[in-house]
PDB file of N, CA and C in Angstrom:
ATOM      1  N   MET A   1     -17.583  16.916   5.006  1.00  0.00           N
ATOM      2  CA  MET A   1     -18.200  15.609   5.043  1.00  0.00           C
ATOM      3  C   MET A   1     -17.328  14.637   4.257  1.00  0.00           C
ATOM      4  N   SER A   2     -17.086  13.494   4.817  1.00  0.00           N
ATOM      5  CA  SER A   2     -16.245  12.505   4.149  1.00  0.00           C
ATOM      6  C   SER A   2     -17.087  11.599   3.255  1.00  0.00           C
ATOM      7  N   THR A   3     -16.414  11.039   2.258  1.00  0.00           N
ATOM      8  CA  THR A   3     -17.076  10.156   1.314  1.00  0.00           C
ATOM      9  C   THR A   3     -16.800   8.710   1.707  1.00  0.00           C
ATOM     10  N   ILE A   4     -17.803   7.878   1.646  1.00  0.00           N
ATOM     11  CA  ILE A   4     -17.637   6.460   1.948  1.00  0.00           C
ATOM     12  C   ILE A   4     -17.188   5.751   0.676  1.00  0.00           C
ATOM     13  N   MET A   5     -16.087   4.975   0.798  1.00  0.00           N
ATOM     14  CA  MET A   5     -15.557   4.224  -0.338  1.00  0.00           C
ATOM     15  C   MET A   5     -15.590   2.742  -0.023  1.00  0.00           C
ATOM     16  N   PRO A   6     -15.813   1.928  -1.038  1.00  0.00           N
ATOM     17  CA  PRO A   6     -15.721   0.482  -0.820  1.00  0.00           C
ATOM     18  C   PRO A   6     -14.304   0.101  -0.389  1.00  0.00           C
ATOM     19  N   GLN A   7     -14.181  -0.928   0.429  1.00  0.00           N
ATOM     20  CA  GLN A   7     -12.883  -1.339   0.951  1.00  0.00           C
ATOM     21  C   GLN A   7     -11.903  -1.673  -0.166  1.00  0.00           C
ATOM     22  N   GLY A   8     -12.353  -2.310  -1.224  1.00  0.00           N
ATOM     23  CA  GLY A   8     -11.472  -2.672  -2.328  1.00  0.00           C
ATOM     24  C   GLY A   8     -10.852  -1.457  -3.004  1.00  0.00           C
ATOM     25  N   GLU A   9     -11.580  -0.373  -3.032  1.00  0.00           N
ATOM     26  CA  GLU A   9     -11.066   0.861  -3.642  1.00  0.00           C
ATOM     27  C   GLU A   9      -9.899   1.414  -2.827  1.00  0.00           C
ATOM     28  N   LEU A  10      -9.980   1.329  -1.519  1.00  0.00           N
ATOM     29  CA  LEU A  10      -8.877   1.790  -0.672  1.00  0.00           C
ATOM     30  C   LEU A  10      -7.627   0.945  -0.895  1.00  0.00           C
ATOM     31  N   VAL A  11      -7.801  -0.344  -1.068  1.00  0.00           N
ATOM     32  CA  VAL A  11      -6.656  -1.234  -1.319  1.00  0.00           C
ATOM     33  C   VAL A  11      -6.018  -0.885  -2.662  1.00  0.00           C
ATOM     34  N   ARG A  12      -6.832  -0.658  -3.689  1.00  0.00           N
ATOM     35  CA  ARG A  12      -6.284  -0.278  -5.004  1.00  0.00           C
ATOM     36  C   ARG A  12      -5.513   1.035  -4.919  1.00  0.00           C
ATOM     37  N   LYS A  13      -6.060   1.998  -4.197  1.00  0.00           N
ATOM     38  CA  LYS A  13      -5.374   3.281  -4.048  1.00  0.00           C
ATOM     39  C   LYS A  13      -4.074   3.116  -3.268  1.00  0.00           C
ATOM     40  N   ALA A  14      -4.071   2.257  -2.261  1.00  0.00           N
ATOM     41  CA  ALA A  14      -2.861   2.017  -1.476  1.00  0.00           C
ATOM     42  C   ALA A  14      -1.778   1.365  -2.333  1.00  0.00           C
ATOM     43  N   VAL A  15      -2.160   0.381  -3.157  1.00  0.00           N
ATOM     44  CA  VAL A  15      -1.191  -0.282  -4.040  1.00  0.00           C
ATOM     45  C   VAL A  15      -0.621   0.721  -5.038  1.00  0.00           C
ATOM     46  N   ALA A  16      -1.469   1.558  -5.610  1.00  0.00           N
ATOM     47  CA  ALA A  16      -1.004   2.574  -6.558  1.00  0.00           C
ATOM     48  C   ALA A  16      -0.066   3.559  -5.866  1.00  0.00           C
ATOM     49  N   PHE A  17      -0.400   3.946  -4.639  1.00  0.00           N
ATOM     50  CA  PHE A  17       0.436   4.868  -3.880  1.00  0.00           C
ATOM     51  C   PHE A  17       1.820   4.268  -3.630  1.00  0.00           C
ATOM     52  N   ILE A  18       1.855   3.013  -3.195  1.00  0.00           N
ATOM     53  CA  ILE A  18       3.137   2.363  -2.905  1.00  0.00           C
ATOM     54  C   ILE A  18       3.968   2.227  -4.170  1.00  0.00           C
ATOM     55  N   ALA A  19       3.348   1.819  -5.258  1.00  0.00           N
ATOM     56  CA  ALA A  19       4.079   1.669  -6.523  1.00  0.00           C
ATOM     57  C   ALA A  19       4.662   3.008  -6.968  1.00  0.00           C
ATOM     58  N   GLU A  20       3.885   4.067  -6.846  1.00  0.00           N
ATOM     59  CA  GLU A  20       4.357   5.397  -7.242  1.00  0.00           C
ATOM     60  C   GLU A  20       5.507   5.864  -6.342  1.00  0.00           C
ATOM     61  N   GLN A  21       5.366   5.644  -5.055  1.00  0.00           N
ATOM     62  CA  GLN A  21       6.407   6.062  -4.120  1.00  0.00           C
ATOM     63  C   GLN A  21       7.695   5.273  -4.312  1.00  0.00           C
ATOM     64  N   ARG A  22       7.583   4.003  -4.668  1.00  0.00           N
ATOM     65  CA  ARG A  22       8.786   3.190  -4.905  1.00  0.00           C
ATOM     66  C   ARG A  22       9.557   3.692  -6.105  1.00  0.00           C
ATOM     67  N   GLU A  23       8.849   4.196  -7.117  1.00  0.00           N
ATOM     68  CA  GLU A  23       9.520   4.761  -8.289  1.00  0.00           C
ATOM     69  C   GLU A  23      10.198   6.084  -7.948  1.00  0.00           C
ATOM     70  N   GLN A  24       9.524   6.915  -7.183  1.00  0.00           N
ATOM     71  CA  GLN A  24      10.038   8.245  -6.869  1.00  0.00           C
ATOM     72  C   GLN A  24      11.078   8.231  -5.754  1.00  0.00           C
ATOM     73  N   HIS A  25      10.917   7.346  -4.788  1.00  0.00           N
ATOM     74  CA  HIS A  25      11.793   7.310  -3.611  1.00  0.00           C
ATOM     75  C   HIS A  25      12.310   5.887  -3.406  1.00  0.00           C
ATOM     76  N   SER A  26      13.225   5.481  -4.237  1.00  0.00           N
ATOM     77  CA  SER A  26      13.710   4.100  -4.179  1.00  0.00           C
ATOM     78  C   SER A  26      14.462   3.795  -2.885  1.00  0.00           C
ATOM     79  N   GLU A  27      14.863   4.827  -2.148  1.00  0.00           N
ATOM     80  CA  GLU A  27      15.601   4.593  -0.908  1.00  0.00           C
ATOM     81  C   GLU A  27      14.688   4.171   0.247  1.00  0.00           C
ATOM     82  N   LYS A  28      13.382   4.402   0.122  1.00  0.00           N
ATOM     83  CA  LYS A  28      12.447   4.025   1.182  1.00  0.00           C
ATOM     84  C   LYS A  28      12.206   2.518   1.147  1.00  0.00           C
ATOM     85  N   SER A  29      12.156   1.929   2.325  1.00  0.00           N
ATOM     86  CA  SER A  29      11.919   0.489   2.403  1.00  0.00           C
ATOM     87  C   SER A  29      10.437   0.187   2.188  1.00  0.00           C
ATOM     88  N   LEU A  30      10.172  -1.045   1.802  1.00  0.00           N
ATOM     89  CA  LEU A  30       8.793  -1.481   1.603  1.00  0.00           C
ATOM     90  C   LEU A  30       8.007  -1.373   2.906  1.00  0.00           C
ATOM     91  N   THR A  31       8.631  -1.703   4.013  1.00  0.00           N
ATOM     92  CA  THR A  31       7.964  -1.635   5.309  1.00  0.00           C
ATOM     93  C   THR A  31       7.537  -0.205   5.628  1.00  0.00           C
ATOM     94  N   CYS A  32       8.408   0.740   5.367  1.00  0.00           N
ATOM     95  CA  CYS A  32       8.096   2.146   5.605  1.00  0.00           C
ATOM     96  C   CYS A  32       6.917   2.590   4.737  1.00  0.00           C
ATOM     97  N   LEU A  33       6.941   2.208   3.464  1.00  0.00           N
ATOM     98  CA  LEU A  33       5.865   2.575   2.552  1.00  0.00           C
ATOM     99  C   LEU A  33       4.544   1.912   2.936  1.00  0.00           C
ATOM    100  N   LEU A  34       4.610   0.664   3.393  1.00  0.00           N
ATOM    101  CA  LEU A  34       3.395  -0.028   3.841  1.00  0.00           C
ATOM    102  C   LEU A  34       2.797   0.648   5.071  1.00  0.00           C
ATOM    103  N   ASP A  35       3.662   1.060   5.986  1.00  0.00           N
ATOM    104  CA  ASP A  35       3.175   1.763   7.173  1.00  0.00           C
ATOM    105  C   ASP A  35       2.501   3.072   6.788  1.00  0.00           C
ATOM    106  N   GLU A  36       3.146   3.820   5.886  1.00  0.00           N
ATOM    107  CA  GLU A  36       2.590   5.095   5.446  1.00  0.00           C
ATOM    108  C   GLU A  36       1.247   4.894   4.729  1.00  0.00           C
ATOM    109  N   ALA A  37       1.186   3.900   3.838  1.00  0.00           N
ATOM    110  CA  ALA A  37      -0.056   3.624   3.121  1.00  0.00           C
ATOM    111  C   ALA A  37      -1.144   3.138   4.079  1.00  0.00           C
ATOM    112  N   GLY A  38      -0.766   2.340   5.065  1.00  0.00           N
ATOM    113  CA  GLY A  38      -1.727   1.849   6.036  1.00  0.00           C
ATOM    114  C   GLY A  38      -2.380   2.974   6.812  1.00  0.00           C
ATOM    115  N   MET A  39      -1.586   3.959   7.198  1.00  0.00           N
ATOM    116  CA  MET A  39      -2.140   5.107   7.918  1.00  0.00           C
ATOM    117  C   MET A  39      -2.947   6.010   6.985  1.00  0.00           C
ATOM    118  N   ARG A  40      -2.417   6.249   5.794  1.00  0.00           N
ATOM    119  CA  ARG A  40      -3.076   7.164   4.848  1.00  0.00           C
ATOM    120  C   ARG A  40      -4.433   6.625   4.388  1.00  0.00           C
ATOM    121  N   PHE A  41      -4.510   5.320   4.140  1.00  0.00           N
ATOM    122  CA  PHE A  41      -5.732   4.726   3.591  1.00  0.00           C
ATOM    123  C   PHE A  41      -6.505   3.895   4.619  1.00  0.00           C
ATOM    124  N   ASN A  42      -6.081   3.947   5.878  1.00  0.00           N
ATOM    125  CA  ASN A  42      -6.769   3.263   6.971  1.00  0.00           C
ATOM    126  C   ASN A  42      -6.964   1.777   6.658  1.00  0.00           C
ATOM    127  N   LEU A  43      -5.869   1.120   6.313  1.00  0.00           N
ATOM    128  CA  LEU A  43      -5.930  -0.294   5.933  1.00  0.00           C
ATOM    129  C   LEU A  43      -5.940  -1.188   7.163  1.00  0.00           C
ATOM    130  N   PRO A  44      -6.784  -2.198   7.165  1.00  0.00           N
ATOM    131  CA  PRO A  44      -6.719  -3.185   8.240  1.00  0.00           C
ATOM    132  C   PRO A  44      -5.467  -4.049   8.070  1.00  0.00           C
ATOM    133  N   PRO A  45      -5.007  -4.667   9.147  1.00  0.00           N
ATOM    134  CA  PRO A  45      -3.776  -5.463   9.087  1.00  0.00           C
ATOM    135  C   PRO A  45      -3.785  -6.558   8.015  1.00  0.00           C
ATOM    136  N   LEU A  46      -4.914  -7.203   7.778  1.00  0.00           N
ATOM    137  CA  LEU A  46      -4.961  -8.266   6.770  1.00  0.00           C
ATOM    138  C   LEU A  46      -4.732  -7.719   5.362  1.00  0.00           C
ATOM    139  N   ASP A  47      -5.300  -6.554   5.064  1.00  0.00           N
ATOM    140  CA  ASP A  47      -5.079  -5.938   3.756  1.00  0.00           C
ATOM    141  C   ASP A  47      -3.626  -5.506   3.602  1.00  0.00           C
ATOM    142  N   ALA A  48      -3.054  -4.941   4.659  1.00  0.00           N
ATOM    143  CA  ALA A  48      -1.650  -4.528   4.606  1.00  0.00           C
ATOM    144  C   ALA A  48      -0.739  -5.736   4.384  1.00  0.00           C
ATOM    145  N   ALA A  49      -1.047  -6.848   5.025  1.00  0.00           N
ATOM    146  CA  ALA A  49      -0.245  -8.065   4.849  1.00  0.00           C
ATOM    147  C   ALA A  49      -0.372  -8.599   3.426  1.00  0.00           C
ATOM    148  N   ALA A  50      -1.562  -8.539   2.851  1.00  0.00           N
ATOM    149  CA  ALA A  50      -1.758  -9.006   1.475  1.00  0.00           C
ATOM    150  C   ALA A  50      -0.984  -8.127   0.495  1.00  0.00           C
ATOM    151  N   ILE A  51      -0.994  -6.826   0.712  1.00  0.00           N
ATOM    152  CA  ILE A  51      -0.238  -5.911  -0.155  1.00  0.00           C
ATOM    153  C   ILE A  51       1.254  -6.180  -0.019  1.00  0.00           C
ATOM    154  N   GLU A  52       1.710  -6.439   1.199  1.00  0.00           N
ATOM    155  CA  GLU A  52       3.128  -6.740   1.413  1.00  0.00           C
ATOM    156  C   GLU A  52       3.532  -8.001   0.650  1.00  0.00           C
ATOM    157  N   ARG A  53       2.712  -9.041   0.722  1.00  0.00           N
ATOM    158  CA  ARG A  53       3.012 -10.279  -0.025  1.00  0.00           C
ATOM    159  C   ARG A  53       3.037 -10.016  -1.528  1.00  0.00           C
ATOM    160  N   LEU A  54       2.128  -9.181  -2.006  1.00  0.00           N
ATOM    161  CA  LEU A  54       2.084  -8.848  -3.422  1.00  0.00           C
ATOM    162  C   LEU A  54       3.392  -8.208  -3.878  1.00  0.00           C
ATOM    163  N   PHE A  55       3.880  -7.240  -3.128  1.00  0.00           N
ATOM    164  CA  PHE A  55       5.116  -6.551  -3.523  1.00  0.00           C
ATOM    165  C   PHE A  55       6.342  -7.433  -3.322  1.00  0.00           C
ATOM    166  N   GLN A  56       6.340  -8.283  -2.292  1.00  0.00           N
ATOM    167  CA  GLN A  56       7.465  -9.199  -2.104  1.00  0.00           C
ATOM    168  C   GLN A  56       7.530 -10.210  -3.238  1.00  0.00           C
ATOM    169  N   LYS A  57       6.385 -10.696  -3.676  1.00  0.00           N
ATOM    170  CA  LYS A  57       6.340 -11.643  -4.775  1.00  0.00           C
ATOM    171  C   LYS A  57       6.838 -10.971  -6.056  1.00  0.00           C
ATOM    172  N   LYS A  58       6.430  -9.736  -6.262  1.00  0.00           N
ATOM    173  CA  LYS A  58       6.841  -8.969  -7.428  1.00  0.00           C
ATOM    174  C   LYS A  58       8.350  -8.730  -7.425  1.00  0.00           C
ATOM    175  N   ASP A  59       8.914  -8.457  -6.238  1.00  0.00           N
ATOM    176  CA  ASP A  59      10.357  -8.204  -6.123  1.00  0.00           C
ATOM    177  C   ASP A  59      11.168  -9.464  -6.408  1.00  0.00           C
ATOM    178  N   SER A  60      10.642 -10.619  -6.008  1.00  0.00           N
ATOM    179  CA  SER A  60      11.404 -11.859  -6.179  1.00  0.00           C
ATOM    180  C   SER A  60      11.292 -12.419  -7.604  1.00  0.00           C
ATOM    181  N   ALA A  61      10.309 -11.948  -8.351  1.00  0.00           N
ATOM    182  CA  ALA A  61      10.106 -12.444  -9.723  1.00  0.00           C
ATOM    183  C   ALA A  61      11.073 -11.831 -10.699  1.00  0.00           C
TER     184      ALA A  61
END
């Protein structure tokens, strides 16, 4: 039986996953990691786009 999680919790887990993967696998592109996180955490396109903007903003800072 699967557990129901609030949507915000999935986004937090996806962001943590991407941040961890970027540290461990610096050769992977952000797009690849976003795709993987989107499938793993079943993210809707709007959430995936918001996470992408977050990491792009962080990279440019």
